[in-house]
Amino acid sequence: MSQRLLCLLLLTSMAHAESPGEEAFRAAADWTVQVRTAVSQPFIEDDQGSWLGAGLLVDATRGWVLTNAHVAGHSYGKISIAFKDGHAIPATRLYVDPYLDLAVLAFAPSRQVAQTRTPTLSCSEIPPVGHPVGAFGHPWGFRFTGTRGITSAVTTRLGVNMLQTDAPINEGNSGGPLISLETGQVVGINTAKVTEESVEGLSFAVPMPYACTMLDLLRAGRDPSPPATAVDFARDDNDELTMIIARSRLPAGTLDLRVGDEVLGLGAPTRDLPTVTDLMDGLRGHLDPVSLRVRRDGRELALDGRWPPAAKITERRGLWLDGAVFASAESLTAGLIVGSPALMVHHVDPGSDAETSGLMHYDLVVTADRAPVGSLDALLQRARQAQARQQPLELLLLRIGDDSSDELFVYEHRLLPVDEIGAVGP
């Protein structure tokens, strides 16, 4: 065989060899799933209806799928997953994170699924700027589709640490993997994009190390809940979160964080924490006791105490009254209003008695039948009493003012017929 012919054969063989990117996408088609969610009685974070997203199989034996919280939903509904063969499998929400846009779904795995390979997760590091990555999912219903780009930055401007990429991420990609096209490892969970017409190539993914902390705790049978959102941090002139405390609503006797404190890191074991997301990540599974290092009045000191965990989204309760969902207001008002009402209207069904009565989502419930209501049980009692009297429930609501009002908040008096009463959730 001549040397020229040998070179031609080698070049032909190299041209047909599978590139790392092609191999990564081919493998992803086996462990990426479609996620379909339908919700009829949503809490405030969700819309009523159904939607499509993506997820990845992270534990074939247990039947666990990692996805976005906004794909799994913050409300009770129906969820199914489907591998590339297209067969729908019922799934449930095992865990929905209240801080990161992450959730774990559980399903009953078949013998075939139990033998499916799972991806390698990049749990120890976030890829540097310029690293080649690919997003895999189902953009606009185009199933098992791959797009590619590079990592652009890590930013906190969205409130949590996010891996920025110019790889196209569209509706249907959410919850799917962002894959290193060099190693084939999953480096993030595709989450969001900037949709302004003049903006291109601004997509975001949850970095994998934070998801791995959550998964490791779940596998160990421990609560992966982050700290309750009872502390606010200041932003700098670039709209990035600092580690400086702007407000603390932690209960007395828990952790003595004060306005102006700068959180430096964990005290035991010693660990520097450059961002708020790193703080939340470091405290998962270690909320009682908590040991923090802070800088106060120019000197470093240690704070010991406990930090209550965030409420579990999968255990949230609501009350359905004639087309409206009432539930806790804490997730949004977060104590911003002195004496803030405990309950809020999370959803109003179009065409319902609740809509006819003028209820709006985000309305805060001040009184029901002229008595304060500090819990769902109290509101339920008032509703049943009104139903027994065959009279409407008299509601006093606190509403955010609109452009037509000179007031930040306005009080609204509404009469709600009480024909339908039902529980939302467990």
Protein backbone atom coordinates (compact mmCIF):
# COMPACT_ATOMS: atom_id res chain seq x y z
CA MET A 1 0.00 0.00 0.00
CA SER A 2 1.41 3.36 -1.00
CA GLN A 3 2.06 6.03 1.65
CA ARG A 4 -0.37 8.38 -0.12
CA LEU A 5 -3.19 5.82 -0.01
CA LEU A 6 -2.51 5.12 3.68
CA CYS A 7 -2.80 8.84 4.49
CA LEU A 8 -6.09 9.07 2.59
CA LEU A 9 -7.50 6.10 4.53
CA LEU A 10 -6.45 7.64 7.85
CA LEU A 11 -8.03 10.99 6.97
CA THR A 12 -11.26 9.25 5.91
CA SER A 13 -11.35 7.31 9.18
CA MET A 14 -10.78 10.48 11.22
CA ALA A 15 -13.54 12.31 9.31
CA HIS A 16 -16.07 9.63 10.29
CA ALA A 17 -14.93 9.29 13.92
CA GLU A 18 -17.46 10.52 16.47
CA SER A 19 -16.49 13.87 17.95
CA PRO A 20 -16.77 14.43 21.72
CA GLY A 21 -19.76 16.67 21.11
CA GLU A 22 -21.56 14.11 18.99
CA GLU A 23 -20.84 11.42 21.56
CA ALA A 24 -22.15 13.63 24.39
CA PHE A 25 -25.43 14.34 22.58
CA ARG A 26 -25.88 10.69 21.58
CA ALA A 27 -25.46 9.59 25.20
CA ALA A 28 -27.78 12.33 26.46
CA ALA A 29 -30.62 10.99 24.34
CA ASP A 30 -30.66 7.85 26.51
CA TRP A 31 -30.96 9.51 29.93
CA THR A 32 -32.79 12.75 29.11
CA VAL A 33 -36.56 12.68 29.53
CA GLN A 34 -39.57 14.77 28.62
CA VAL A 35 -41.53 16.10 31.59
CA ARG A 36 -45.19 17.01 31.27
CA THR A 37 -46.96 18.83 34.10
CA ALA A 38 -50.63 19.82 34.45
CA VAL A 39 -51.98 22.00 37.28
CA SER A 40 -55.62 23.01 37.81
CA GLN A 41 -55.39 24.77 41.21
CA PRO A 42 -52.04 26.59 41.18
CA PHE A 43 -50.17 28.39 43.89
CA ILE A 44 -48.77 31.82 43.07
CA GLU A 45 -45.55 30.54 41.42
CA ASP A 46 -47.40 28.55 38.73
CA ASP A 47 -49.91 29.20 35.97
CA GLN A 48 -53.05 27.16 35.53
CA GLY A 49 -52.63 24.72 32.64
CA SER A 50 -50.04 22.30 31.33
CA TRP A 51 -46.47 22.65 30.15
CA LEU A 52 -43.53 20.69 28.80
CA GLY A 53 -39.95 20.58 30.05
CA ALA A 54 -36.97 18.29 30.28
CA GLY A 55 -35.14 16.36 32.96
CA LEU A 56 -32.30 13.89 33.37
CA LEU A 57 -32.21 10.50 35.02
CA VAL A 58 -29.83 10.77 37.98
CA ASP A 59 -30.67 7.53 39.81
CA ALA A 60 -31.94 4.64 37.70
CA THR A 61 -32.44 2.29 40.67
CA ARG A 62 -34.54 4.75 42.69
CA GLY A 63 -36.22 6.24 39.63
CA TRP A 64 -35.11 9.83 40.26
CA VAL A 65 -35.20 12.57 37.64
CA LEU A 66 -33.56 15.97 38.18
CA THR A 67 -35.31 18.95 36.61
CA ASN A 68 -36.27 22.59 37.29
CA ALA A 69 -38.67 23.54 40.06
CA HIS A 70 -40.68 25.54 37.53
CA VAL A 71 -41.00 22.40 35.38
CA ALA A 72 -42.06 20.15 38.27
CA GLY A 73 -44.34 22.91 39.52
CA HIS A 74 -44.81 24.41 42.98
CA SER A 75 -48.42 23.19 42.97
CA TYR A 76 -50.23 19.88 43.12
CA GLY A 77 -50.99 18.36 39.74
CA LYS A 78 -50.27 15.52 37.35
CA ILE A 79 -46.72 14.81 36.19
CA SER A 80 -45.41 12.27 33.71
CA ILE A 81 -42.01 11.59 32.21
CA ALA A 82 -41.10 9.94 28.93
CA PHE A 83 -37.82 8.54 27.62
CA LYS A 84 -37.06 8.55 23.91
CA ASP A 85 -39.38 5.59 23.30
CA GLY A 86 -42.23 7.97 24.04
CA HIS A 87 -44.08 5.95 26.69
CA ALA A 88 -45.45 8.19 29.46
CA ILE A 89 -44.62 7.14 33.04
CA PRO A 90 -46.46 8.73 36.02
CA ALA A 91 -44.16 10.63 38.37
CA THR A 92 -44.43 12.52 41.65
CA ARG A 93 -42.55 15.44 43.18
CA LEU A 94 -40.04 14.00 45.63
CA TYR A 95 -38.43 17.35 46.43
CA VAL A 96 -38.84 20.92 45.15
CA ASP A 97 -36.21 23.40 46.25
CA PRO A 98 -37.41 26.78 47.57
CA TYR A 99 -34.11 28.54 46.80
CA LEU A 100 -32.65 27.11 43.59
CA ASP A 101 -34.81 26.35 40.56
CA LEU A 102 -34.35 22.60 41.06
CA ALA A 103 -36.60 19.63 41.77
CA VAL A 104 -36.35 15.85 41.94
CA LEU A 105 -39.15 13.69 40.52
CA ALA A 106 -39.67 10.04 41.43
CA PHE A 107 -41.21 7.27 39.33
CA ALA A 108 -41.43 3.48 39.50
CA PRO A 109 -38.57 2.29 37.28
CA SER A 110 -38.97 -0.74 35.06
CA ARG A 111 -36.22 -3.32 34.70
CA GLN A 112 -35.21 -1.68 31.43
CA VAL A 113 -34.96 1.77 33.01
CA ALA A 114 -33.02 0.39 35.99
CA GLN A 115 -30.34 -0.72 33.52
CA THR A 116 -30.17 2.67 31.78
CA ARG A 117 -26.87 4.49 32.16
CA THR A 118 -26.98 7.76 34.03
CA PRO A 119 -24.83 10.81 33.23
CA THR A 120 -21.65 11.79 35.01
CA LEU A 121 -22.31 14.95 36.99
CA SER A 122 -19.64 17.64 37.36
CA CYS A 123 -20.05 18.02 41.13
CA SER A 124 -16.70 19.53 42.05
CA GLU A 125 -16.20 22.49 39.72
CA ILE A 126 -17.89 25.01 37.45
CA PRO A 127 -16.41 25.25 33.93
CA PRO A 128 -14.38 28.36 33.08
CA VAL A 129 -15.39 31.05 30.63
CA GLY A 130 -15.10 29.82 27.05
CA HIS A 131 -15.71 26.15 27.80
CA PRO A 132 -17.69 24.43 24.99
CA VAL A 133 -21.10 23.24 26.16
CA GLY A 134 -24.29 21.84 24.70
CA ALA A 135 -27.90 22.23 25.87
CA PHE A 136 -30.13 19.19 25.39
CA GLY A 137 -33.90 19.01 25.66
CA HIS A 138 -37.10 19.65 23.75
CA PRO A 139 -37.18 23.30 22.59
CA TRP A 140 -40.67 24.24 21.40
CA GLY A 141 -41.58 20.54 21.34
CA PHE A 142 -38.70 19.47 19.07
CA ARG A 143 -37.87 16.35 21.08
CA PHE A 144 -34.32 15.39 22.09
CA THR A 145 -32.63 18.34 20.44
CA GLY A 146 -29.09 19.57 21.04
CA THR A 147 -27.69 23.09 20.69
CA ARG A 148 -24.18 24.30 21.43
CA GLY A 149 -22.21 27.30 22.64
CA ILE A 150 -19.74 28.27 25.34
CA THR A 151 -19.90 29.22 29.00
CA SER A 152 -19.84 33.00 29.38
CA ALA A 153 -19.77 33.80 33.12
CA VAL A 154 -21.10 33.00 36.56
CA THR A 155 -23.48 35.71 37.75
CA THR A 156 -25.62 36.49 40.82
CA ARG A 157 -27.73 39.13 39.08
CA LEU A 158 -30.68 36.72 38.95
CA GLY A 159 -30.56 36.38 42.74
CA VAL A 160 -28.65 33.10 42.83
CA ASN A 161 -25.44 31.92 41.21
CA MET A 162 -26.18 31.01 37.59
CA LEU A 163 -23.93 29.70 34.85
CA GLN A 164 -24.31 32.01 31.86
CA THR A 165 -24.02 30.53 28.36
CA ASP A 166 -24.71 31.50 24.77
CA ALA A 167 -25.96 27.99 23.97
CA PRO A 168 -29.59 28.51 22.84
CA ILE A 169 -32.07 27.58 25.61
CA ASN A 170 -35.76 27.83 24.74
CA GLU A 171 -39.11 26.76 26.13
CA GLY A 172 -38.92 22.98 26.49
CA ASN A 173 -35.19 23.04 27.34
CA SER A 174 -35.88 23.92 30.97
CA GLY A 175 -34.74 21.19 33.34
CA GLY A 176 -32.53 19.51 30.77
CA PRO A 177 -28.76 19.10 30.96
CA LEU A 178 -26.06 21.58 30.01
CA ILE A 179 -23.24 19.28 28.94
CA SER A 180 -19.50 19.79 28.62
CA LEU A 181 -18.65 18.96 25.00
CA GLU A 182 -15.11 18.11 26.10
CA THR A 183 -15.80 15.68 28.96
CA GLY A 184 -19.43 14.71 28.40
CA GLN A 185 -20.21 15.59 32.02
CA VAL A 186 -23.34 17.52 33.00
CA VAL A 187 -22.20 20.96 34.21
CA GLY A 188 -25.59 22.58 34.76
CA ILE A 189 -29.38 22.38 34.58
CA ASN A 190 -30.84 24.60 31.83
CA THR A 191 -33.14 27.13 33.46
CA ALA A 192 -33.77 30.47 31.74
CA LYS A 193 -32.98 32.92 28.98
CA VAL A 194 -33.32 36.66 28.41
CA THR A 195 -36.20 37.11 25.96
CA GLU A 196 -35.79 40.78 25.00
CA GLU A 197 -35.82 41.21 21.20
CA SER A 198 -32.53 43.09 21.19
CA VAL A 199 -30.75 40.44 23.31
CA GLU A 200 -29.07 37.33 21.91
CA GLY A 201 -27.10 34.55 23.51
CA LEU A 202 -28.06 35.16 27.17
CA SER A 203 -29.10 31.84 28.67
CA PHE A 204 -28.62 30.50 32.19
CA ALA A 205 -28.23 27.18 33.98
CA VAL A 206 -28.01 26.16 37.64
CA PRO A 207 -24.37 25.09 38.22
CA MET A 208 -24.11 21.36 38.91
CA PRO A 209 -22.18 21.48 42.23
CA TYR A 210 -25.21 23.04 43.97
CA ALA A 211 -27.53 20.37 42.55
CA CYS A 212 -25.10 17.66 43.70
CA THR A 213 -25.27 18.88 47.32
CA MET A 214 -29.04 18.51 47.21
CA LEU A 215 -28.87 15.04 45.62
CA ASP A 216 -26.23 13.78 48.06
CA LEU A 217 -28.36 14.76 51.05
CA LEU A 218 -31.46 13.12 49.57
CA ARG A 219 -29.55 9.89 48.95
CA ALA A 220 -28.32 9.94 52.53
CA GLY A 221 -31.91 10.30 53.79
CA ARG A 222 -31.27 13.81 55.10
CA ASP A 223 -33.30 16.98 54.65
CA PRO A 224 -31.73 19.06 51.83
CA SER A 225 -33.79 22.17 52.64
CA PRO A 226 -31.86 25.45 52.51
CA PRO A 227 -32.19 28.06 55.27
CA ALA A 228 -35.48 29.93 55.46
CA THR A 229 -35.46 33.18 53.45
CA ALA A 230 -35.37 35.28 56.61
CA VAL A 231 -32.25 37.30 55.73
CA ASP A 232 -31.88 39.88 52.95
CA PHE A 233 -28.51 40.79 51.42
CA ALA A 234 -27.59 44.12 49.82
CA ARG A 235 -26.77 44.48 46.12
CA ASP A 236 -23.84 46.42 44.67
CA ASP A 237 -23.83 48.93 41.79
CA ASN A 238 -23.60 46.05 39.27
CA ASP A 239 -26.80 44.53 40.72
CA GLU A 240 -24.78 41.61 42.12
CA LEU A 241 -25.59 40.31 45.59
CA THR A 242 -23.06 41.14 48.29
CA MET A 243 -22.55 39.27 51.56
CA ILE A 244 -23.65 42.29 53.61
CA ILE A 245 -26.80 41.86 55.71
CA ALA A 246 -29.51 44.40 54.84
CA ARG A 247 -32.22 42.92 57.07
CA SER A 248 -32.70 39.90 59.32
CA ARG A 249 -36.05 38.46 60.33
CA LEU A 250 -34.60 35.43 62.10
CA PRO A 251 -36.56 34.70 65.30
CA ALA A 252 -35.03 35.70 68.60
CA GLY A 253 -32.79 33.04 70.04
CA THR A 254 -31.76 31.56 66.68
CA LEU A 255 -28.81 33.38 65.06
CA ASP A 256 -27.74 36.92 65.97
CA LEU A 257 -27.21 38.33 62.45
CA ARG A 258 -27.47 42.13 62.39
CA VAL A 259 -27.82 44.82 59.74
CA GLY A 260 -24.36 45.68 58.39
CA ASP A 261 -22.79 42.31 59.23
CA GLU A 262 -20.64 40.91 56.40
CA VAL A 263 -20.75 37.13 56.23
CA LEU A 264 -17.27 35.74 55.59
CA GLY A 265 -17.79 32.00 55.82
CA LEU A 266 -18.56 29.00 57.94
CA GLY A 267 -16.86 28.67 61.28
CA ALA A 268 -16.96 24.90 61.75
CA PRO A 269 -15.51 23.53 59.61
CA THR A 270 -13.81 26.72 58.41
CA ARG A 271 -14.84 27.53 54.86
CA ASP A 272 -14.83 30.82 52.94
CA LEU A 273 -18.11 31.68 51.23
CA PRO A 274 -17.78 34.16 48.34
CA THR A 275 -21.51 34.36 47.47
CA VAL A 276 -24.92 34.00 49.08
CA THR A 277 -25.57 30.87 47.02
CA ASP A 278 -22.40 29.33 48.47
CA LEU A 279 -23.71 30.21 51.93
CA MET A 280 -27.05 28.50 51.25
CA ASP A 281 -25.21 25.50 49.80
CA GLY A 282 -22.87 25.25 52.79
CA LEU A 283 -25.76 25.38 55.27
CA ARG A 284 -27.86 22.62 53.69
CA GLY A 285 -27.97 19.76 56.14
CA HIS A 286 -26.17 21.91 58.78
CA LEU A 287 -28.85 24.27 60.08
CA ASP A 288 -28.79 23.21 63.72
CA PRO A 289 -26.24 24.15 64.90
CA VAL A 290 -24.90 26.90 62.63
CA SER A 291 -21.48 28.49 63.02
CA LEU A 292 -20.71 31.58 60.92
CA ARG A 293 -17.78 33.98 60.68
CA VAL A 294 -18.85 37.59 60.20
CA ARG A 295 -17.24 41.02 60.14
CA ARG A 296 -19.01 43.50 62.44
CA ASP A 297 -17.82 47.04 63.16
CA GLY A 298 -14.45 46.25 61.57
CA ARG A 299 -13.66 43.13 63.55
CA GLU A 300 -14.20 39.45 62.85
CA LEU A 301 -16.29 37.37 65.20
CA ALA A 302 -18.00 33.98 65.40
CA LEU A 303 -21.77 33.54 65.55
CA ASP A 304 -23.25 30.27 66.78
CA GLY A 305 -26.92 29.36 66.75
CA ARG A 306 -29.48 27.79 64.47
CA TRP A 307 -31.23 28.80 61.28
CA PRO A 308 -34.74 27.41 60.65
CA PRO A 309 -35.13 25.48 57.38
CA ALA A 310 -37.30 26.75 54.55
CA ALA A 311 -40.84 25.39 54.47
CA LYS A 312 -41.24 22.28 52.31
CA ILE A 313 -43.00 23.09 49.04
CA THR A 314 -44.25 19.51 48.69
CA GLU A 315 -46.14 19.89 52.00
CA ARG A 316 -47.75 23.26 51.31
CA ARG A 317 -51.48 23.51 52.00
CA GLY A 318 -54.11 25.69 50.38
CA LEU A 319 -57.85 26.32 50.55
CA TRP A 320 -60.17 26.46 47.54
CA LEU A 321 -63.15 28.80 47.91
CA ASP A 322 -65.42 29.26 44.89
CA GLY A 323 -62.63 29.60 42.33
CA ALA A 324 -59.88 31.13 44.48
CA VAL A 325 -56.84 29.45 46.05
CA PHE A 326 -55.84 30.86 49.44
CA ALA A 327 -52.50 29.95 51.00
CA SER A 328 -49.62 31.35 53.04
CA ALA A 329 -48.38 34.82 52.12
CA GLU A 330 -44.93 34.40 53.67
CA SER A 331 -43.22 33.21 50.48
CA LEU A 332 -43.76 36.61 48.86
CA THR A 333 -44.45 39.26 51.48
CA ALA A 334 -41.62 37.90 53.65
CA GLY A 335 -42.44 40.28 56.47
CA LEU A 336 -42.04 43.43 54.37
CA ILE A 337 -45.26 44.82 55.82
CA VAL A 338 -45.53 45.40 59.57
CA GLY A 339 -48.18 43.01 60.87
CA SER A 340 -48.28 41.40 57.44
CA PRO A 341 -51.38 39.23 56.89
CA ALA A 342 -50.69 35.51 57.00
CA LEU A 343 -52.80 34.53 53.98
CA MET A 344 -52.89 35.58 50.34
CA VAL A 345 -54.95 34.86 47.24
CA HIS A 346 -52.69 32.71 45.06
CA HIS A 347 -55.03 32.10 42.12
CA VAL A 348 -58.41 33.20 40.77
CA ASP A 349 -60.18 30.96 38.26
CA PRO A 350 -61.42 32.85 35.18
CA GLY A 351 -65.21 33.01 35.15
CA SER A 352 -65.52 31.92 38.78
CA ASP A 353 -67.48 33.50 41.62
CA ALA A 354 -64.14 34.65 43.02
CA GLU A 355 -63.39 36.62 39.86
CA THR A 356 -66.91 38.03 39.76
CA SER A 357 -66.46 39.16 43.37
CA GLY A 358 -63.36 41.12 42.38
CA LEU A 359 -60.67 38.98 44.04
CA MET A 360 -57.19 39.20 42.53
CA HIS A 361 -54.09 37.14 43.04
CA TYR A 362 -51.62 38.71 45.48
CA ASP A 363 -54.54 40.07 47.56
CA LEU A 364 -53.64 39.76 51.27
CA VAL A 365 -56.43 38.62 53.59
CA VAL A 366 -56.80 41.03 56.52
CA THR A 367 -60.12 39.79 57.94
CA ALA A 368 -62.87 37.30 57.13
CA ASP A 369 -66.33 38.21 58.46
CA ARG A 370 -64.60 41.10 60.27
CA ALA A 371 -62.33 38.83 62.32
CA PRO A 372 -58.56 38.43 61.77
CA VAL A 373 -57.50 35.14 60.14
CA GLY A 374 -54.00 33.98 60.93
CA SER A 375 -54.22 30.52 59.42
CA LEU A 376 -55.96 28.41 56.78
CA ASP A 377 -57.87 26.61 59.51
CA ALA A 378 -59.28 29.93 60.75
CA LEU A 379 -60.32 30.92 57.21
CA LEU A 380 -61.89 27.49 56.69
CA GLN A 381 -63.91 27.89 59.88
CA ARG A 382 -65.19 31.32 58.79
CA ALA A 383 -66.08 29.96 55.33
CA ARG A 384 -68.05 27.05 56.76
CA GLN A 385 -69.93 29.36 59.11
CA ALA A 386 -70.85 31.64 56.19
CA GLN A 387 -71.92 28.62 54.15
CA ALA A 388 -74.13 27.38 57.00
CA ARG A 389 -75.77 30.82 57.21
CA GLN A 390 -76.18 30.78 53.42
CA GLN A 391 -74.48 34.16 53.27
CA PRO A 392 -71.35 35.34 51.42
CA LEU A 393 -68.01 35.50 53.20
CA GLU A 394 -67.10 39.12 53.95
CA LEU A 395 -63.41 39.72 53.14
CA LEU A 396 -61.18 42.71 53.86
CA LEU A 397 -58.19 42.55 51.50
CA LEU A 398 -54.94 44.49 51.30
CA ARG A 399 -53.96 45.08 47.67
CA ILE A 400 -50.97 46.67 46.01
CA GLY A 401 -52.07 49.96 44.45
CA ASP A 402 -52.03 50.41 40.66
CA ASP A 403 -51.24 53.36 38.39
CA SER A 404 -54.66 54.88 39.05
CA SER A 405 -54.00 55.09 42.80
CA ASP A 406 -51.73 57.45 44.71
CA GLU A 407 -51.39 54.87 47.47
CA LEU A 408 -48.90 52.02 47.68
CA PHE A 409 -51.54 49.77 49.27
CA VAL A 410 -55.33 49.97 49.21
CA TYR A 411 -57.95 48.13 51.26
CA GLU A 412 -60.69 46.33 49.36
CA HIS A 413 -64.00 45.06 50.77
CA ARG A 414 -65.36 42.03 48.92
CA LEU A 415 -68.24 39.55 49.36
CA LEU A 416 -67.44 35.99 48.24
CA PRO A 417 -70.27 33.42 47.85
CA VAL A 418 -69.36 30.17 49.60
CA ASP A 419 -70.69 27.23 47.62
CA GLU A 420 -67.46 25.33 46.97
CA ILE A 421 -64.98 24.58 49.75
CA GLY A 422 -62.04 22.25 49.21
CA ALA A 423 -58.52 21.45 50.35
CA VAL A 424 -55.54 22.05 48.08
CA GLY A 425 -52.71 19.70 48.96
CA PRO A 426 -52.34 17.17 51.76
